[in-house]
PDB file of all heavy atoms in Angstrom:
ATOM      1  N   LYS A   1      89.650 102.754  95.854  1.00  0.00           N
ATOM      2  CA  LYS A   1      90.492 102.310  94.749  1.00  0.00           C
ATOM      3  C   LYS A   1      89.786 101.338  93.850  1.00  0.00           C
ATOM      4  O   LYS A   1      89.953 101.375  92.632  1.00  0.00           O
ATOM      5  CB  LYS A   1      91.811 101.694  95.288  1.00  0.00           C
ATOM      6  CG  LYS A   1      92.971 102.668  95.182  1.00  0.00           C
ATOM      7  CD  LYS A   1      94.285 101.997  95.437  1.00  0.00           C
ATOM      8  CE  LYS A   1      95.392 102.991  95.219  1.00  0.00           C
ATOM      9  NZ  LYS A   1      96.701 102.447  95.547  1.00  0.00           N
ATOM     10  N   GLU A   2      89.015 100.433  94.382  1.00  0.00           N
ATOM     11  CA  GLU A   2      88.338  99.409  93.542  1.00  0.00           C
ATOM     12  C   GLU A   2      87.284 100.068  92.623  1.00  0.00           C
ATOM     13  O   GLU A   2      86.907  99.453  91.639  1.00  0.00           O
ATOM     14  CB  GLU A   2      87.721  98.322  94.401  1.00  0.00           C
ATOM     15  CG  GLU A   2      86.583  98.771  95.269  1.00  0.00           C
ATOM     16  CD  GLU A   2      85.992  97.666  96.085  1.00  0.00           C
ATOM     17  OE1 GLU A   2      85.353  96.746  95.460  1.00  0.00           O
ATOM     18  OE2 GLU A   2      86.093  97.661  97.325  1.00  0.00           O
ATOM     19  N   TYR A   3      86.865 101.322  92.945  1.00  0.00           N
ATOM     20  CA  TYR A   3      85.868 101.975  92.139  1.00  0.00           C
ATOM     21  C   TYR A   3      86.481 102.994  91.136  1.00  0.00           C
ATOM     22  O   TYR A   3      85.749 103.606  90.373  1.00  0.00           O
ATOM     23  CB  TYR A   3      84.807 102.679  93.026  1.00  0.00           C
ATOM     24  CG  TYR A   3      84.142 101.755  93.995  1.00  0.00           C
ATOM     25  CD1 TYR A   3      84.430 101.799  95.323  1.00  0.00           C
ATOM     26  CD2 TYR A   3      83.198 100.837  93.543  1.00  0.00           C
ATOM     27  CE1 TYR A   3      83.817 100.900  96.222  1.00  0.00           C
ATOM     28  CE2 TYR A   3      82.559  99.955  94.402  1.00  0.00           C
ATOM     29  CZ  TYR A   3      82.881 100.037  95.760  1.00  0.00           C
ATOM     30  OH  TYR A   3      82.271  99.212  96.609  1.00  0.00           O
ATOM     31  N   ARG A   4      87.786 103.174  91.257  1.00  0.00           N
ATOM     32  CA  ARG A   4      88.437 104.193  90.384  1.00  0.00           C
ATOM     33  C   ARG A   4      88.192 103.866  88.929  1.00  0.00           C
ATOM     34  O   ARG A   4      88.334 102.786  88.459  1.00  0.00           O
ATOM     35  CB  ARG A   4      89.963 104.201  90.701  1.00  0.00           C
ATOM     36  CG  ARG A   4      90.664 105.279  89.929  1.00  0.00           C
ATOM     37  CD  ARG A   4      92.113 105.408  90.457  1.00  0.00           C
ATOM     38  NE  ARG A   4      92.921 106.216  89.549  1.00  0.00           N
ATOM     39  CZ  ARG A   4      92.938 107.516  89.440  1.00  0.00           C
ATOM     40  NH1 ARG A   4      92.143 108.227  90.191  1.00  0.00           N
ATOM     41  NH2 ARG A   4      93.730 108.156  88.578  1.00  0.00           N
ATOM     42  N   GLY A   5      87.737 104.900  88.190  1.00  0.00           N
ATOM     43  CA  GLY A   5      87.463 104.751  86.759  1.00  0.00           C
ATOM     44  C   GLY A   5      86.064 104.292  86.460  1.00  0.00           C
ATOM     45  O   GLY A   5      85.688 104.228  85.241  1.00  0.00           O
ATOM     46  N   LYS A   6      85.311 103.977  87.494  1.00  0.00           N
ATOM     47  CA  LYS A   6      83.923 103.484  87.246  1.00  0.00           C
ATOM     48  C   LYS A   6      82.950 104.625  87.491  1.00  0.00           C
ATOM     49  O   LYS A   6      83.203 105.567  88.212  1.00  0.00           O
ATOM     50  CB  LYS A   6      83.580 102.329  88.217  1.00  0.00           C
ATOM     51  CG  LYS A   6      84.470 101.109  87.981  1.00  0.00           C
ATOM     52  CD  LYS A   6      84.098  99.981  88.951  1.00  0.00           C
ATOM     53  CE  LYS A   6      84.990  98.791  88.691  1.00  0.00           C
ATOM     54  NZ  LYS A   6      84.737  97.704  89.674  1.00  0.00           N
ATOM     55  N   PRO A   7      81.775 104.561  86.791  1.00  0.00           N
ATOM     56  CA  PRO A   7      80.782 105.645  86.948  1.00  0.00           C
ATOM     57  C   PRO A   7      80.247 105.695  88.353  1.00  0.00           C
ATOM     58  O   PRO A   7      80.234 104.704  89.097  1.00  0.00           O
ATOM     59  CB  PRO A   7      79.689 105.258  85.934  1.00  0.00           C
ATOM     60  CG  PRO A   7      79.811 103.797  85.751  1.00  0.00           C
ATOM     61  CD  PRO A   7      81.278 103.505  85.883  1.00  0.00           C
ATOM     62  N   PHE A   8      79.814 106.840  88.780  1.00  0.00           N
ATOM     63  CA  PHE A   8      79.202 107.001  90.117  1.00  0.00           C
ATOM     64  C   PHE A   8      77.847 106.351  90.166  1.00  0.00           C
ATOM     65  O   PHE A   8      77.113 106.330  89.216  1.00  0.00           O
ATOM     66  CB  PHE A   8      79.056 108.488  90.439  1.00  0.00           C
ATOM     67  CG  PHE A   8      80.367 109.249  90.525  1.00  0.00           C
ATOM     68  CD1 PHE A   8      80.712 110.135  89.508  1.00  0.00           C
ATOM     69  CD2 PHE A   8      81.176 109.109  91.628  1.00  0.00           C
ATOM     70  CE1 PHE A   8      81.919 110.834  89.574  1.00  0.00           C
ATOM     71  CE2 PHE A   8      82.371 109.805  91.680  1.00  0.00           C
ATOM     72  CZ  PHE A   8      82.768 110.648  90.698  1.00  0.00           C
ATOM     73  N   THR A   9      77.535 105.875  91.377  1.00  0.00           N
ATOM     74  CA  THR A   9      76.145 105.413  91.655  1.00  0.00           C
ATOM     75  C   THR A   9      75.526 106.420  92.605  1.00  0.00           C
ATOM     76  O   THR A   9      74.313 106.627  92.618  1.00  0.00           O
ATOM     77  CB  THR A   9      76.133 104.005  92.241  1.00  0.00           C
ATOM     78  OG1 THR A   9      76.970 103.977  93.382  1.00  0.00           O
ATOM     79  CG2 THR A   9      76.597 102.992  91.202  1.00  0.00           C
ATOM     80  N   ASN A  10      76.320 107.064  93.431  1.00  0.00           N
ATOM     81  CA  ASN A  10      75.903 108.184  94.288  1.00  0.00           C
ATOM     82  C   ASN A  10      77.125 108.913  94.716  1.00  0.00           C
ATOM     83  O   ASN A  10      78.268 108.423  94.568  1.00  0.00           O
ATOM     84  CB  ASN A  10      75.094 107.678  95.490  1.00  0.00           C
ATOM     85  CG  ASN A  10      75.952 106.800  96.393  1.00  0.00           C
ATOM     86  OD1 ASN A  10      77.021 107.166  96.859  1.00  0.00           O
ATOM     87  ND2 ASN A  10      75.496 105.578  96.657  1.00  0.00           N
ATOM     88  N   ARG A  11      76.864 110.182  95.098  1.00  0.00           N
ATOM     89  CA  ARG A  11      78.001 111.001  95.655  1.00  0.00           C
ATOM     90  C   ARG A  11      77.478 111.592  96.933  1.00  0.00           C
ATOM     91  O   ARG A  11      77.066 112.752  96.977  1.00  0.00           O
ATOM     92  CB  ARG A  11      78.446 112.047  94.636  1.00  0.00           C
ATOM     93  CG  ARG A  11      78.946 111.393  93.354  1.00  0.00           C
ATOM     94  CD  ARG A  11      79.795 112.323  92.556  1.00  0.00           C
ATOM     95  NE  ARG A  11      81.051 112.583  93.272  1.00  0.00           N
ATOM     96  CZ  ARG A  11      81.877 113.508  92.879  1.00  0.00           C
ATOM     97  NH1 ARG A  11      81.707 114.230  91.828  1.00  0.00           N
ATOM     98  NH2 ARG A  11      83.039 113.691  93.567  1.00  0.00           N
ATOM     99  N   GLN A  12      77.429 110.766  97.934  1.00  0.00           N
ATOM    100  CA  GLN A  12      76.684 110.975  99.105  1.00  0.00           C
ATOM    101  C   GLN A  12      76.951 112.324  99.785  1.00  0.00           C
ATOM    102  O   GLN A  12      75.983 113.045 100.168  1.00  0.00           O
ATOM    103  CB  GLN A  12      76.921 109.864 100.133  1.00  0.00           C
ATOM    104  CG  GLN A  12      75.881 109.707 101.183  1.00  0.00           C
ATOM    105  CD  GLN A  12      76.023 108.407 101.907  1.00  0.00           C
ATOM    106  OE1 GLN A  12      76.964 107.637 101.677  1.00  0.00           O
ATOM    107  NE2 GLN A  12      75.181 108.171 102.855  1.00  0.00           N
ATOM    108  N   HIS A  13      78.212 112.743  99.929  1.00  0.00           N
ATOM    109  CA  HIS A  13      78.487 113.911 100.725  1.00  0.00           C
ATOM    110  C   HIS A  13      79.051 115.065  99.892  1.00  0.00           C
ATOM    111  O   HIS A  13      79.454 116.066 100.459  1.00  0.00           O
ATOM    112  CB  HIS A  13      79.471 113.545 101.846  1.00  0.00           C
ATOM    113  CG  HIS A  13      78.997 112.479 102.759  1.00  0.00           C
ATOM    114  ND1 HIS A  13      77.913 112.661 103.561  1.00  0.00           N
ATOM    115  CD2 HIS A  13      79.398 111.177 102.932  1.00  0.00           C
ATOM    116  CE1 HIS A  13      77.715 111.540 104.281  1.00  0.00           C
ATOM    117  NE2 HIS A  13      78.582 110.643 103.882  1.00  0.00           N
ATOM    118  N   LEU A  14      79.066 114.940  98.574  1.00  0.00           N
ATOM    119  CA  LEU A  14      79.651 115.993  97.761  1.00  0.00           C
ATOM    120  C   LEU A  14      78.968 117.334  97.949  1.00  0.00           C
ATOM    121  O   LEU A  14      79.661 118.319  98.219  1.00  0.00           O
ATOM    122  CB  LEU A  14      79.585 115.592  96.230  1.00  0.00           C
ATOM    123  CG  LEU A  14      80.076 116.710  95.332  1.00  0.00           C
ATOM    124  CD1 LEU A  14      81.557 116.906  95.432  1.00  0.00           C
ATOM    125  CD2 LEU A  14      79.715 116.365  93.837  1.00  0.00           C
ATOM    126  N   MET A  15      77.663 117.435  97.827  1.00  0.00           N
ATOM    127  CA  MET A  15      76.963 118.678  97.901  1.00  0.00           C
ATOM    128  C   MET A  15      77.063 119.272  99.299  1.00  0.00           C
ATOM    129  O   MET A  15      77.251 120.480  99.497  1.00  0.00           O
ATOM    130  CB  MET A  15      75.560 118.602  97.444  1.00  0.00           C
ATOM    131  CG  MET A  15      75.396 118.280  95.969  1.00  0.00           C
ATOM    132  SD  MET A  15      76.250 119.474  94.886  1.00  0.00           S
ATOM    133  CE  MET A  15      75.388 120.991  95.220  1.00  0.00           C
ATOM    134  N   GLU A  16      77.014 118.441 100.302  1.00  0.00           N
ATOM    135  CA  GLU A  16      77.108 118.847 101.695  1.00  0.00           C
ATOM    136  C   GLU A  16      78.470 119.523 101.904  1.00  0.00           C
ATOM    137  O   GLU A  16      78.590 120.581 102.494  1.00  0.00           O
ATOM    138  CB  GLU A  16      76.941 117.669 102.599  1.00  0.00           C
ATOM    139  CG  GLU A  16      77.125 117.965 104.073  1.00  0.00           C
ATOM    140  CD  GLU A  16      77.077 116.725 104.955  1.00  0.00           C
ATOM    141  OE1 GLU A  16      76.825 115.621 104.466  1.00  0.00           O
ATOM    142  OE2 GLU A  16      77.325 116.877 106.195  1.00  0.00           O
ATOM    143  N   ARG A  17      79.501 118.853 101.401  1.00  0.00           N
ATOM    144  CA  ARG A  17      80.872 119.356 101.590  1.00  0.00           C
ATOM    145  C   ARG A  17      81.075 120.680 100.820  1.00  0.00           C
ATOM    146  O   ARG A  17      81.661 121.630 101.358  1.00  0.00           O
ATOM    147  CB  ARG A  17      81.870 118.297 101.031  1.00  0.00           C
ATOM    148  CG  ARG A  17      83.339 118.641 101.236  1.00  0.00           C
ATOM    149  CD  ARG A  17      84.246 117.460 100.898  1.00  0.00           C
ATOM    150  NE  ARG A  17      83.865 116.750  99.691  1.00  0.00           N
ATOM    151  CZ  ARG A  17      84.216 117.101  98.491  1.00  0.00           C
ATOM    152  NH1 ARG A  17      84.896 118.233  98.275  1.00  0.00           N
ATOM    153  NH2 ARG A  17      83.911 116.334  97.453  1.00  0.00           N
ATOM    154  N   LEU A  18      80.572 120.707  99.563  1.00  0.00           N
ATOM    155  CA  LEU A  18      80.813 121.931  98.756  1.00  0.00           C
ATOM    156  C   LEU A  18      80.005 123.097  99.337  1.00  0.00           C
ATOM    157  O   LEU A  18      80.461 124.260  99.309  1.00  0.00           O
ATOM    158  CB  LEU A  18      80.369 121.646  97.297  1.00  0.00           C
ATOM    159  CG  LEU A  18      81.295 120.799  96.471  1.00  0.00           C
ATOM    160  CD1 LEU A  18      80.742 120.528  95.110  1.00  0.00           C
ATOM    161  CD2 LEU A  18      82.693 121.395  96.362  1.00  0.00           C
ATOM    162  N   CYS A  19      78.797 122.880  99.777  1.00  0.00           N
ATOM    163  CA  CYS A  19      77.948 123.953 100.396  1.00  0.00           C
ATOM    164  C   CYS A  19      78.668 124.490 101.630  1.00  0.00           C
ATOM    165  O   CYS A  19      78.683 125.721 101.842  1.00  0.00           O
ATOM    166  CB  CYS A  19      76.533 123.471 100.688  1.00  0.00           C
ATOM    167  SG  CYS A  19      75.513 123.174  99.254  1.00  0.00           S
ATOM    168  N   LYS A  20      79.187 123.582 102.464  1.00  0.00           N
ATOM    169  CA  LYS A  20      79.874 124.025 103.668  1.00  0.00           C
ATOM    170  C   LYS A  20      81.116 124.839 103.338  1.00  0.00           C
ATOM    171  O   LYS A  20      81.336 125.883 103.893  1.00  0.00           O
ATOM    172  CB  LYS A  20      80.298 122.755 104.488  1.00  0.00           C
ATOM    173  CG  LYS A  20      80.843 123.127 105.806  1.00  0.00           C
ATOM    174  CD  LYS A  20      81.029 121.854 106.678  1.00  0.00           C
ATOM    175  CE  LYS A  20      81.544 122.202 108.022  1.00  0.00           C
ATOM    176  NZ  LYS A  20      81.814 121.005 108.841  1.00  0.00           N
ATOM    177  N   LYS A  21      81.848 124.426 102.294  1.00  0.00           N
ATOM    178  CA  LYS A  21      83.033 125.132 101.881  1.00  0.00           C
ATOM    179  C   LYS A  21      82.746 126.521 101.306  1.00  0.00           C
ATOM    180  O   LYS A  21      83.431 127.496 101.508  1.00  0.00           O
ATOM    181  CB  LYS A  21      83.782 124.306 100.795  1.00  0.00           C
ATOM    182  CG  LYS A  21      85.110 124.869 100.363  1.00  0.00           C
ATOM    183  CD  LYS A  21      85.757 123.949  99.328  1.00  0.00           C
ATOM    184  CE  LYS A  21      87.063 124.517  98.855  1.00  0.00           C
ATOM    185  NZ  LYS A  21      87.702 123.644  97.824  1.00  0.00           N
ATOM    186  N   ALA A  22      81.549 126.576 100.598  1.00  0.00           N
ATOM    187  CA  ALA A  22      81.166 127.842 100.003  1.00  0.00           C
ATOM    188  C   ALA A  22      80.473 128.768 101.024  1.00  0.00           C
ATOM    189  O   ALA A  22      80.254 129.925 100.788  1.00  0.00           O
ATOM    190  CB  ALA A  22      80.185 127.598  98.864  1.00  0.00           C
ATOM    191  N   GLY A  23      80.090 128.231 102.183  1.00  0.00           N
ATOM    192  CA  GLY A  23      79.427 129.007 103.227  1.00  0.00           C
ATOM    193  C   GLY A  23      77.986 129.351 102.899  1.00  0.00           C
ATOM    194  O   GLY A  23      77.492 130.404 103.207  1.00  0.00           O
ATOM    195  N   VAL A  24      77.267 128.392 102.183  1.00  0.00           N
ATOM    196  CA  VAL A  24      75.860 128.576 101.861  1.00  0.00           C
ATOM    197  C   VAL A  24      75.017 127.499 102.451  1.00  0.00           C
ATOM    198  O   VAL A  24      75.541 126.485 102.855  1.00  0.00           O
ATOM    199  CB  VAL A  24      75.681 128.660 100.313  1.00  0.00           C
ATOM    200  CG1 VAL A  24      76.533 129.757  99.711  1.00  0.00           C
ATOM    201  CG2 VAL A  24      75.966 127.304  99.679  1.00  0.00           C
ATOM    202  N   ARG A  25      73.734 127.748 102.515  1.00  0.00           N
ATOM    203  CA  ARG A  25      72.801 126.760 103.014  1.00  0.00           C
ATOM    204  C   ARG A  25      72.825 125.526 102.114  1.00  0.00           C
ATOM    205  O   ARG A  25      72.840 125.641 100.880  1.00  0.00           O
ATOM    206  CB  ARG A  25      71.407 127.357 103.051  1.00  0.00           C
ATOM    207  CG  ARG A  25      70.378 126.482 103.704  1.00  0.00           C
ATOM    208  CD  ARG A  25      69.040 127.208 103.772  1.00  0.00           C
ATOM    209  NE  ARG A  25      68.044 126.369 104.348  1.00  0.00           N
ATOM    210  CZ  ARG A  25      66.769 126.715 104.484  1.00  0.00           C
ATOM    211  NH1 ARG A  25      66.383 127.883 104.117  1.00  0.00           N
ATOM    212  NH2 ARG A  25      65.895 125.857 105.014  1.00  0.00           N
ATOM    213  N   GLU A  26      72.775 124.354 102.739  1.00  0.00           N
ATOM    214  CA  GLU A  26      72.961 123.136 101.976  1.00  0.00           C
ATOM    215  C   GLU A  26      71.772 122.884 101.003  1.00  0.00           C
ATOM    216  O   GLU A  26      70.624 123.100 101.341  1.00  0.00           O
ATOM    217  CB  GLU A  26      73.100 121.925 102.938  1.00  0.00           C
ATOM    218  CG  GLU A  26      73.391 120.640 102.230  1.00  0.00           C
ATOM    219  CD  GLU A  26      73.538 119.456 103.195  1.00  0.00           C
ATOM    220  OE1 GLU A  26      73.816 119.681 104.369  1.00  0.00           O
ATOM    221  OE2 GLU A  26      73.310 118.283 102.752  1.00  0.00           O
ATOM    222  N   PHE A  27      72.121 122.459  99.798  1.00  0.00           N
ATOM    223  CA  PHE A  27      71.102 122.028  98.831  1.00  0.00           C
ATOM    224  C   PHE A  27      71.674 120.826  98.049  1.00  0.00           C
ATOM    225  O   PHE A  27      72.885 120.570  98.070  1.00  0.00           O
ATOM    226  CB  PHE A  27      70.695 123.137  97.832  1.00  0.00           C
ATOM    227  CG  PHE A  27      71.881 123.683  97.008  1.00  0.00           C
ATOM    228  CD1 PHE A  27      72.194 123.172  95.747  1.00  0.00           C
ATOM    229  CD2 PHE A  27      72.663 124.744  97.472  1.00  0.00           C
ATOM    230  CE1 PHE A  27      73.174 123.682  94.976  1.00  0.00           C
ATOM    231  CE2 PHE A  27      73.645 125.276  96.693  1.00  0.00           C
ATOM    232  CZ  PHE A  27      73.982 124.731  95.463  1.00  0.00           C
ATOM    233  N   GLY A  28      70.820 120.052  97.414  1.00  0.00           N
ATOM    234  CA  GLY A  28      71.198 118.845  96.779  1.00  0.00           C
ATOM    235  C   GLY A  28      71.176 118.931  95.259  1.00  0.00           C
ATOM    236  O   GLY A  28      70.844 119.965  94.676  1.00  0.00           O
ATOM    237  N   PHE A  29      71.477 117.812  94.601  1.00  0.00           N
ATOM    238  CA  PHE A  29      71.490 117.791  93.116  1.00  0.00           C
ATOM    239  C   PHE A  29      70.170 118.183  92.548  1.00  0.00           C
ATOM    240  O   PHE A  29      70.092 118.971  91.557  1.00  0.00           O
ATOM    241  CB  PHE A  29      71.871 116.394  92.649  1.00  0.00           C
ATOM    242  CG  PHE A  29      73.279 115.988  92.925  1.00  0.00           C
ATOM    243  CD1 PHE A  29      73.548 114.923  93.791  1.00  0.00           C
ATOM    244  CD2 PHE A  29      74.339 116.641  92.330  1.00  0.00           C
ATOM    245  CE1 PHE A  29      74.897 114.578  94.067  1.00  0.00           C
ATOM    246  CE2 PHE A  29      75.683 116.264  92.573  1.00  0.00           C
ATOM    247  CZ  PHE A  29      75.929 115.268  93.421  1.00  0.00           C
ATOM    248  N   HIS A  30      69.020 117.682  93.073  1.00  0.00           N
ATOM    249  CA  HIS A  30      67.737 117.925  92.428  1.00  0.00           C
ATOM    250  C   HIS A  30      67.347 119.401  92.535  1.00  0.00           C
ATOM    251  O   HIS A  30      66.633 119.915  91.677  1.00  0.00           O
ATOM    252  CB  HIS A  30      66.661 117.032  93.056  1.00  0.00           C
ATOM    253  CG  HIS A  30      65.454 116.942  92.161  1.00  0.00           C
ATOM    254  ND1 HIS A  30      65.437 116.205  90.988  1.00  0.00           N
ATOM    255  CD2 HIS A  30      64.225 117.499  92.300  1.00  0.00           C
ATOM    256  CE1 HIS A  30      64.240 116.263  90.400  1.00  0.00           C
ATOM    257  NE2 HIS A  30      63.485 117.070  91.155  1.00  0.00           N
ATOM    258  N   ALA A  31      67.861 120.070  93.575  1.00  0.00           N
ATOM    259  CA  ALA A  31      67.539 121.504  93.677  1.00  0.00           C
ATOM    260  C   ALA A  31      68.094 122.288  92.540  1.00  0.00           C
ATOM    261  O   ALA A  31      67.632 123.368  92.135  1.00  0.00           O
ATOM    262  CB  ALA A  31      68.106 122.029  95.037  1.00  0.00           C
ATOM    263  N   ILE A  32      69.214 121.813  91.908  1.00  0.00           N
ATOM    264  CA  ILE A  32      69.782 122.497  90.775  1.00  0.00           C
ATOM    265  C   ILE A  32      68.828 122.451  89.586  1.00  0.00           C
ATOM    266  O   ILE A  32      68.667 123.393  88.806  1.00  0.00           O
ATOM    267  CB  ILE A  32      71.168 121.887  90.399  1.00  0.00           C
ATOM    268  CG1 ILE A  32      72.094 122.034  91.609  1.00  0.00           C
ATOM    269  CG2 ILE A  32      71.732 122.535  89.169  1.00  0.00           C
ATOM    270  CD1 ILE A  32      73.419 121.297  91.434  1.00  0.00           C
ATOM    271  N   ARG A  33      68.119 121.342  89.408  1.00  0.00           N
ATOM    272  CA  ARG A  33      67.093 121.216  88.372  1.00  0.00           C
ATOM    273  C   ARG A  33      65.988 122.242  88.597  1.00  0.00           C
ATOM    274  O   ARG A  33      65.515 122.852  87.699  1.00  0.00           O
ATOM    275  CB  ARG A  33      66.543 119.777  88.415  1.00  0.00           C
ATOM    276  CG  ARG A  33      65.455 119.447  87.357  1.00  0.00           C
ATOM    277  CD  ARG A  33      65.209 117.928  87.435  1.00  0.00           C
ATOM    278  NE  ARG A  33      63.920 117.612  86.891  1.00  0.00           N
ATOM    279  CZ  ARG A  33      63.697 117.411  85.563  1.00  0.00           C
ATOM    280  NH1 ARG A  33      64.679 117.593  84.692  1.00  0.00           N
ATOM    281  NH2 ARG A  33      62.472 117.065  85.149  1.00  0.00           N
ATOM    282  N   HIS A  34      65.561 122.405  89.895  1.00  0.00           N
ATOM    283  CA  HIS A  34      64.562 123.398  90.266  1.00  0.00           C
ATOM    284  C   HIS A  34      65.067 124.744  89.896  1.00  0.00           C
ATOM    285  O   HIS A  34      64.302 125.634  89.446  1.00  0.00           O
ATOM    286  CB  HIS A  34      64.279 123.322  91.801  1.00  0.00           C
ATOM    287  CG  HIS A  34      63.501 122.113  92.155  1.00  0.00           C
ATOM    288  ND1 HIS A  34      62.658 122.075  93.247  1.00  0.00           N
ATOM    289  CD2 HIS A  34      63.421 120.879  91.624  1.00  0.00           C
ATOM    290  CE1 HIS A  34      62.102 120.880  93.356  1.00  0.00           C
ATOM    291  NE2 HIS A  34      62.560 120.118  92.394  1.00  0.00           N
ATOM    292  N   LEU A  35      66.387 125.023  90.163  1.00  0.00           N
ATOM    293  CA  LEU A  35      66.945 126.351  89.860  1.00  0.00           C
ATOM    294  C   LEU A  35      66.881 126.677  88.389  1.00  0.00           C
ATOM    295  O   LEU A  35      66.546 127.755  88.025  1.00  0.00           O
ATOM    296  CB  LEU A  35      68.363 126.379  90.352  1.00  0.00           C
ATOM    297  CG  LEU A  35      69.192 127.650  90.040  1.00  0.00           C
ATOM    298  CD1 LEU A  35      68.467 128.895  90.660  1.00  0.00           C
ATOM    299  CD2 LEU A  35      70.640 127.591  90.538  1.00  0.00           C
ATOM    300  N   THR A  36      67.189 125.682  87.536  1.00  0.00           N
ATOM    301  CA  THR A  36      67.117 125.905  86.081  1.00  0.00           C
ATOM    302  C   THR A  36      65.698 126.316  85.712  1.00  0.00           C
ATOM    303  O   THR A  36      65.499 127.301  84.946  1.00  0.00           O
ATOM    304  CB  THR A  36      67.498 124.634  85.337  1.00  0.00           C
ATOM    305  OG1 THR A  36      68.774 124.222  85.760  1.00  0.00           O
ATOM    306  CG2 THR A  36      67.554 124.870  83.819  1.00  0.00           C
ATOM    307  N   ALA A  37      64.685 125.597  86.231  1.00  0.00           N
ATOM    308  CA  ALA A  37      63.281 125.964  85.888  1.00  0.00           C
ATOM    309  C   ALA A  37      62.924 127.332  86.428  1.00  0.00           C
ATOM    310  O   ALA A  37      62.250 128.100  85.726  1.00  0.00           O
ATOM    311  CB  ALA A  37      62.364 124.907  86.546  1.00  0.00           C
ATOM    312  N   SER A  38      63.439 127.683  87.616  1.00  0.00           N
ATOM    313  CA  SER A  38      63.143 128.986  88.152  1.00  0.00           C
ATOM    314  C   SER A  38      63.753 130.140  87.350  1.00  0.00           C
ATOM    315  O   SER A  38      63.130 131.143  87.111  1.00  0.00           O
ATOM    316  CB  SER A  38      63.737 129.063  89.576  1.00  0.00           C
ATOM    317  OG  SER A  38      63.619 130.385  90.132  1.00  0.00           O
ATOM    318  N   LEU A  39      64.984 129.882  86.813  1.00  0.00           N
ATOM    319  CA  LEU A  39      65.638 130.906  85.975  1.00  0.00           C
ATOM    320  C   LEU A  39      64.843 131.111  84.695  1.00  0.00           C
ATOM    321  O   LEU A  39      64.694 132.261  84.256  1.00  0.00           O
ATOM    322  CB  LEU A  39      67.111 130.501  85.689  1.00  0.00           C
ATOM    323  CG  LEU A  39      68.047 130.443  86.895  1.00  0.00           C
ATOM    324  CD1 LEU A  39      69.383 129.876  86.539  1.00  0.00           C
ATOM    325  CD2 LEU A  39      68.184 131.845  87.499  1.00  0.00           C
ATOM    326  N   LEU A  40      64.374 130.052  84.096  1.00  0.00           N
ATOM    327  CA  LEU A  40      63.594 130.167  82.862  1.00  0.00           C
ATOM    328  C   LEU A  40      62.305 130.949  83.142  1.00  0.00           C
ATOM    329  O   LEU A  40      61.872 131.793  82.420  1.00  0.00           O
ATOM    330  CB  LEU A  40      63.281 128.805  82.324  1.00  0.00           C
ATOM    331  CG  LEU A  40      64.412 127.944  81.678  1.00  0.00           C
ATOM    332  CD1 LEU A  40      63.980 126.549  81.506  1.00  0.00           C
ATOM    333  CD2 LEU A  40      64.779 128.589  80.353  1.00  0.00           C
ATOM    334  N   TYR A  41      61.674 130.597  84.256  1.00  0.00           N
ATOM    335  CA  TYR A  41      60.445 131.222  84.664  1.00  0.00           C
ATOM    336  C   TYR A  41      60.611 132.734  84.867  1.00  0.00           C
ATOM    337  O   TYR A  41      59.821 133.547  84.385  1.00  0.00           O
ATOM    338  CB  TYR A  41      59.904 130.543  85.948  1.00  0.00           C
ATOM    339  CG  TYR A  41      58.580 131.036  86.436  1.00  0.00           C
ATOM    340  CD1 TYR A  41      57.425 130.545  85.910  1.00  0.00           C
ATOM    341  CD2 TYR A  41      58.547 131.968  87.478  1.00  0.00           C
ATOM    342  CE1 TYR A  41      56.199 130.966  86.393  1.00  0.00           C
ATOM    343  CE2 TYR A  41      57.317 132.413  87.975  1.00  0.00           C
ATOM    344  CZ  TYR A  41      56.141 131.927  87.429  1.00  0.00           C
ATOM    345  OH  TYR A  41      54.929 132.349  87.907  1.00  0.00           O
ATOM    346  N   ARG A  42      61.668 133.049  85.545  1.00  0.00           N
ATOM    347  CA  ARG A  42      61.918 134.508  85.915  1.00  0.00           C
ATOM    348  C   ARG A  42      62.233 135.303  84.599  1.00  0.00           C
ATOM    349  O   ARG A  42      61.967 136.498  84.554  1.00  0.00           O
ATOM    350  CB  ARG A  42      63.084 134.654  86.851  1.00  0.00           C
ATOM    351  CG  ARG A  42      62.695 134.417  88.296  1.00  0.00           C
ATOM    352  CD  ARG A  42      63.782 134.769  89.254  1.00  0.00           C
ATOM    353  NE  ARG A  42      64.991 133.973  88.973  1.00  0.00           N
ATOM    354  CZ  ARG A  42      66.037 133.950  89.771  1.00  0.00           C
ATOM    355  NH1 ARG A  42      66.024 134.644  90.869  1.00  0.00           N
ATOM    356  NH2 ARG A  42      67.098 133.235  89.476  1.00  0.00           N
TER     357      ARG A  42
END
């Protein structure tokens, strides 16, 4: 509650939780940047 409305400094378990929910191998925020580069390359 004390952080409500404030910008994030980290979101420690977000990607872990979402990957588990989606049933995929876990990846983090920086891997998405790699994915963008990979899509351009391909």
